[in-house]
């Protein structure tokens, strides 16, 4: 199923997709007048989609960090403070992503909504850090699209 989800859905960096996956609106709609079998099936599919989305986020951030590390190896203008901040943010992101994955696996995507906001905020911060570091100009970083009209995190 994961290959199908990846091909049908846009890349993870569209915040609206993450917000919709973890929203209760669709579940509320499906729950109105649906059988318990259909509702259970919807919850299972939504959980599978949420887990796939979390994997894509983690993989994309990991690729971006790998590109940054490769570029950093040859850069002479590194600032230790910036690199340490980036490493800490990356560790926090990885931790929150793994905890969120477990929460979705155990309780479903709707129960994990607040952690999604935190994880999305960390991903956005990582994007900003990677783009603002001196060598970021040589590294292709596209973690999350900037969207000035809507915001997933508060």
C-alpha atoms as a PDB file:
ATOM      1  CA  UNK A   1       0.000   0.000   0.000  1.00  0.00           C
ATOM      2  CA  UNK A   2       2.794   2.471   0.766  1.00  0.00           C
ATOM      3  CA  UNK A   3       3.803   2.695  -2.898  1.00  0.00           C
ATOM      4  CA  UNK A   4       0.225   3.513  -3.869  1.00  0.00           C
ATOM      5  CA  UNK A   5      -0.062   6.235  -1.229  1.00  0.00           C
ATOM      6  CA  UNK A   6       3.198   7.836  -2.321  1.00  0.00           C
ATOM      7  CA  UNK A   7       2.113   7.966  -5.964  1.00  0.00           C
ATOM      8  CA  UNK A   8      -1.403   9.266  -5.359  1.00  0.00           C
ATOM      9  CA  UNK A   9      -0.680  11.952  -2.796  1.00  0.00           C
ATOM     10  CA  UNK A  10       1.459  15.053  -3.262  1.00  0.00           C
ATOM     11  CA  UNK A  11       4.826  15.195  -1.523  1.00  0.00           C
ATOM     12  CA  UNK A  12       4.695  15.676   2.220  1.00  0.00           C
ATOM     13  CA  UNK A  13       5.894  19.266   2.159  1.00  0.00           C
ATOM     14  CA  UNK A  14       2.413  20.524   1.539  1.00  0.00           C
ATOM     15  CA  UNK A  15       1.285  21.402   5.076  1.00  0.00           C
ATOM     16  CA  UNK A  16      -2.362  21.121   4.109  1.00  0.00           C
ATOM     17  CA  UNK A  17      -1.939  17.388   3.523  1.00  0.00           C
ATOM     18  CA  UNK A  18      -0.564  16.803   7.014  1.00  0.00           C
ATOM     19  CA  UNK A  19      -3.257  18.971   8.559  1.00  0.00           C
ATOM     20  CA  UNK A  20      -5.990  17.091   6.696  1.00  0.00           C
ATOM     21  CA  UNK A  21      -4.622  13.654   7.566  1.00  0.00           C
ATOM     22  CA  UNK A  22      -4.759  14.461  11.273  1.00  0.00           C
ATOM     23  CA  UNK A  23      -8.044  16.379  11.152  1.00  0.00           C
ATOM     24  CA  UNK A  24     -11.282  14.987  12.545  1.00  0.00           C
ATOM     25  CA  UNK A  25     -13.478  16.606   9.877  1.00  0.00           C
ATOM     26  CA  UNK A  26     -13.432  13.643   7.490  1.00  0.00           C
ATOM     27  CA  UNK A  27     -14.050  11.179  10.309  1.00  0.00           C
ATOM     28  CA  UNK A  28     -16.990  13.250  11.535  1.00  0.00           C
ATOM     29  CA  UNK A  29     -18.446  13.227   8.026  1.00  0.00           C
ATOM     30  CA  UNK A  30     -17.944   9.478   7.526  1.00  0.00           C
ATOM     31  CA  UNK A  31     -19.337   8.720  10.995  1.00  0.00           C
ATOM     32  CA  UNK A  32     -22.702  10.285  10.108  1.00  0.00           C
ATOM     33  CA  UNK A  33     -24.910   7.416   9.061  1.00  0.00           C
ATOM     34  CA  UNK A  34     -22.105   4.990   8.195  1.00  0.00           C
ATOM     35  CA  UNK A  35     -21.852   1.413   9.298  1.00  0.00           C
ATOM     36  CA  UNK A  36     -19.343   0.451  11.952  1.00  0.00           C
ATOM     37  CA  UNK A  37     -17.501  -1.617   9.320  1.00  0.00           C
ATOM     38  CA  UNK A  38     -17.093   1.401   7.040  1.00  0.00           C
ATOM     39  CA  UNK A  39     -16.021   3.576   9.969  1.00  0.00           C
ATOM     40  CA  UNK A  40     -13.440   0.988  11.068  1.00  0.00           C
ATOM     41  CA  UNK A  41     -12.139   0.722   7.503  1.00  0.00           C
ATOM     42  CA  UNK A  42     -11.873   4.515   7.256  1.00  0.00           C
ATOM     43  CA  UNK A  43      -9.894   4.688  10.517  1.00  0.00           C
ATOM     44  CA  UNK A  44      -7.532   1.927   9.364  1.00  0.00           C
ATOM     45  CA  UNK A  45      -6.906   3.622   6.017  1.00  0.00           C
ATOM     46  CA  UNK A  46      -6.403   7.010   7.665  1.00  0.00           C
ATOM     47  CA  UNK A  47      -3.895   5.494  10.101  1.00  0.00           C
ATOM     48  CA  UNK A  48      -1.994   3.833   7.232  1.00  0.00           C
ATOM     49  CA  UNK A  49      -1.930   7.135   5.341  1.00  0.00           C
ATOM     50  CA  UNK A  50      -0.719   9.015   8.430  1.00  0.00           C
ATOM     51  CA  UNK A  51       2.083   6.513   9.017  1.00  0.00           C
ATOM     52  CA  UNK A  52       3.171   6.777   5.377  1.00  0.00           C
ATOM     53  CA  UNK A  53       3.142  10.585   5.581  1.00  0.00           C
ATOM     54  CA  UNK A  54       5.296  10.500   8.723  1.00  0.00           C
ATOM     55  CA  UNK A  55       7.779   8.195   6.998  1.00  0.00           C
ATOM     56  CA  UNK A  56       7.974  10.542   4.008  1.00  0.00           C
ATOM     57  CA  UNK A  57       8.574  13.539   6.270  1.00  0.00           C
ATOM     58  CA  UNK A  58      11.315  11.699   8.157  1.00  0.00           C
ATOM     59  CA  UNK A  59      12.947  10.463   4.934  1.00  0.00           C
ATOM     60  CA  UNK A  60      12.918  13.895   3.279  1.00  0.00           C
ATOM     61  CA  UNK A  61      14.366  15.610   6.348  1.00  0.00           C
ATOM     62  CA  UNK A  62      17.004  12.871   6.549  1.00  0.00           C
ATOM     63  CA  UNK A  63      17.957  13.384   2.890  1.00  0.00           C
ATOM     64  CA  UNK A  64      18.202  17.135   3.402  1.00  0.00           C
ATOM     65  CA  UNK A  65      20.384  16.682   6.472  1.00  0.00           C
ATOM     66  CA  UNK A  66      22.570  14.240   4.545  1.00  0.00           C
ATOM     67  CA  UNK A  67      23.040  16.820   1.791  1.00  0.00           C
ATOM     68  CA  UNK A  68      23.896  19.431   4.392  1.00  0.00           C
ATOM     69  CA  UNK A  69      26.441  17.157   6.097  1.00  0.00           C
ATOM     70  CA  UNK A  70      28.122  16.363   2.759  1.00  0.00           C
ATOM     71  CA  UNK A  71      28.315  20.066   1.922  1.00  0.00           C
ATOM     72  CA  UNK A  72      29.490  20.929   5.451  1.00  0.00           C
ATOM     73  CA  UNK A  73      32.450  18.572   5.129  1.00  0.00           C
ATOM     74  CA  UNK A  74      33.997  20.805   2.482  1.00  0.00           C
ATOM     75  CA  UNK A  75      32.837  24.147   3.848  1.00  0.00           C
ATOM     76  CA  UNK A  76      35.314  26.406   5.601  1.00  0.00           C
ATOM     77  CA  UNK A  77      32.762  28.920   6.852  1.00  0.00           C
ATOM     78  CA  UNK A  78      30.918  26.756   9.364  1.00  0.00           C
ATOM     79  CA  UNK A  79      29.739  28.300  12.604  1.00  0.00           C
ATOM     80  CA  UNK A  80      29.752  25.818  15.453  1.00  0.00           C
ATOM     81  CA  UNK A  81      26.762  27.421  17.151  1.00  0.00           C
ATOM     82  CA  UNK A  82      24.645  27.117  14.006  1.00  0.00           C
ATOM     83  CA  UNK A  83      25.667  23.518  13.449  1.00  0.00           C
ATOM     84  CA  UNK A  84      24.919  22.590  17.064  1.00  0.00           C
ATOM     85  CA  UNK A  85      21.512  24.269  16.881  1.00  0.00           C
ATOM     86  CA  UNK A  86      20.765  22.406  13.667  1.00  0.00           C
ATOM     87  CA  UNK A  87      21.866  19.100  15.222  1.00  0.00           C
ATOM     88  CA  UNK A  88      19.652  19.704  18.265  1.00  0.00           C
ATOM     89  CA  UNK A  89      16.635  20.619  16.122  1.00  0.00           C
ATOM     90  CA  UNK A  90      17.235  17.537  13.975  1.00  0.00           C
ATOM     91  CA  UNK A  91      17.400  15.307  17.065  1.00  0.00           C
ATOM     92  CA  UNK A  92      14.196  16.855  18.440  1.00  0.00           C
ATOM     93  CA  UNK A  93      12.485  16.377  15.108  1.00  0.00           C
ATOM     94  CA  UNK A  94      13.561  12.739  14.884  1.00  0.00           C
ATOM     95  CA  UNK A  95      12.367  12.090  18.431  1.00  0.00           C
ATOM     96  CA  UNK A  96       9.002  13.803  17.930  1.00  0.00           C
ATOM     97  CA  UNK A  97       8.496  12.035  14.601  1.00  0.00           C
ATOM     98  CA  UNK A  98       9.166   8.620  16.156  1.00  0.00           C
ATOM     99  CA  UNK A  99       6.923   9.332  19.140  1.00  0.00           C
ATOM    100  CA  UNK A 100       4.204  10.537  16.793  1.00  0.00           C
ATOM    101  CA  UNK A 101       4.586   7.424  14.666  1.00  0.00           C
ATOM    102  CA  UNK A 102       4.085   5.266  17.763  1.00  0.00           C
ATOM    103  CA  UNK A 103       1.105   7.361  18.881  1.00  0.00           C
ATOM    104  CA  UNK A 104      -0.555   7.010  15.475  1.00  0.00           C
ATOM    105  CA  UNK A 105       0.174   3.299  15.382  1.00  0.00           C
ATOM    106  CA  UNK A 106      -1.301   2.800  18.855  1.00  0.00           C
ATOM    107  CA  UNK A 107      -4.177   5.293  18.931  1.00  0.00           C
ATOM    108  CA  UNK A 108      -4.756   6.544  15.385  1.00  0.00           C
ATOM    109  CA  UNK A 109      -3.998   9.877  13.751  1.00  0.00           C
ATOM    110  CA  UNK A 110      -6.773  11.877  15.377  1.00  0.00           C
ATOM    111  CA  UNK A 111      -5.457  11.287  18.895  1.00  0.00           C
ATOM    112  CA  UNK A 112      -2.007  12.522  17.885  1.00  0.00           C
ATOM    113  CA  UNK A 113      -2.975  15.964  16.525  1.00  0.00           C
ATOM    114  CA  UNK A 114      -1.012  18.173  18.958  1.00  0.00           C
ATOM    115  CA  UNK A 115       2.191  16.242  18.447  1.00  0.00           C
ATOM    116  CA  UNK A 116       1.716  16.680  14.702  1.00  0.00           C
ATOM    117  CA  UNK A 117       1.709  20.453  15.171  1.00  0.00           C
ATOM    118  CA  UNK A 118       4.910  20.262  17.223  1.00  0.00           C
ATOM    119  CA  UNK A 119       6.630  17.986  14.706  1.00  0.00           C
ATOM    120  CA  UNK A 120       5.560  20.193  11.790  1.00  0.00           C
ATOM    121  CA  UNK A 121       6.890  23.272  13.597  1.00  0.00           C
ATOM    122  CA  UNK A 122      10.247  21.541  14.115  1.00  0.00           C
ATOM    123  CA  UNK A 123      10.383  20.581  10.439  1.00  0.00           C
ATOM    124  CA  UNK A 124       9.739  24.223   9.484  1.00  0.00           C
ATOM    125  CA  UNK A 125      12.469  25.377  11.884  1.00  0.00           C
ATOM    126  CA  UNK A 126      14.895  22.882  10.346  1.00  0.00           C
ATOM    127  CA  UNK A 127      14.063  24.268   6.924  1.00  0.00           C
ATOM    128  CA  UNK A 128      14.802  27.775   8.125  1.00  0.00           C
ATOM    129  CA  UNK A 129      18.060  26.756   9.752  1.00  0.00           C
ATOM    130  CA  UNK A 130      19.241  24.862   6.686  1.00  0.00           C
ATOM    131  CA  UNK A 131      18.389  27.743   4.385  1.00  0.00           C
ATOM    132  CA  UNK A 132      20.030  30.373   6.583  1.00  0.00           C
ATOM    133  CA  UNK A 133      23.340  28.606   7.192  1.00  0.00           C
ATOM    134  CA  UNK A 134      26.235  29.960   5.115  1.00  0.00           C
ATOM    135  CA  UNK A 135      26.608  26.845   2.984  1.00  0.00           C
ATOM    136  CA  UNK A 136      22.883  26.377   2.497  1.00  0.00           C
ATOM    137  CA  UNK A 137      23.127  28.142  -0.860  1.00  0.00           C
ATOM    138  CA  UNK A 138      24.997  25.116  -2.182  1.00  0.00           C
ATOM    139  CA  UNK A 139      22.537  22.617  -0.776  1.00  0.00           C
ATOM    140  CA  UNK A 140      19.147  22.006  -2.342  1.00  0.00           C
ATOM    141  CA  UNK A 141      16.742  22.175   0.575  1.00  0.00           C
ATOM    142  CA  UNK A 142      13.004  21.932   0.049  1.00  0.00           C
ATOM    143  CA  UNK A 143      11.553  20.681   3.308  1.00  0.00           C
ATOM    144  CA  UNK A 144       8.277  22.512   3.578  1.00  0.00           C
ATOM    145  CA  UNK A 145       6.824  24.999   1.138  1.00  0.00           C
ATOM    146  CA  UNK A 146       6.314  28.436   2.594  1.00  0.00           C
ATOM    147  CA  UNK A 147       2.625  29.160   2.671  1.00  0.00           C
ATOM    148  CA  UNK A 148       1.828  32.680   3.789  1.00  0.00           C
ATOM    149  CA  UNK A 149      -1.940  32.221   3.406  1.00  0.00           C
ATOM    150  CA  UNK A 150      -2.396  29.245   5.720  1.00  0.00           C
ATOM    151  CA  UNK A 151      -0.489  27.877   8.665  1.00  0.00           C
ATOM    152  CA  UNK A 152      -0.600  24.383  10.121  1.00  0.00           C
ATOM    153  CA  UNK A 153       1.125  25.288  13.356  1.00  0.00           C
ATOM    154  CA  UNK A 154       0.039  27.871  15.874  1.00  0.00           C
END
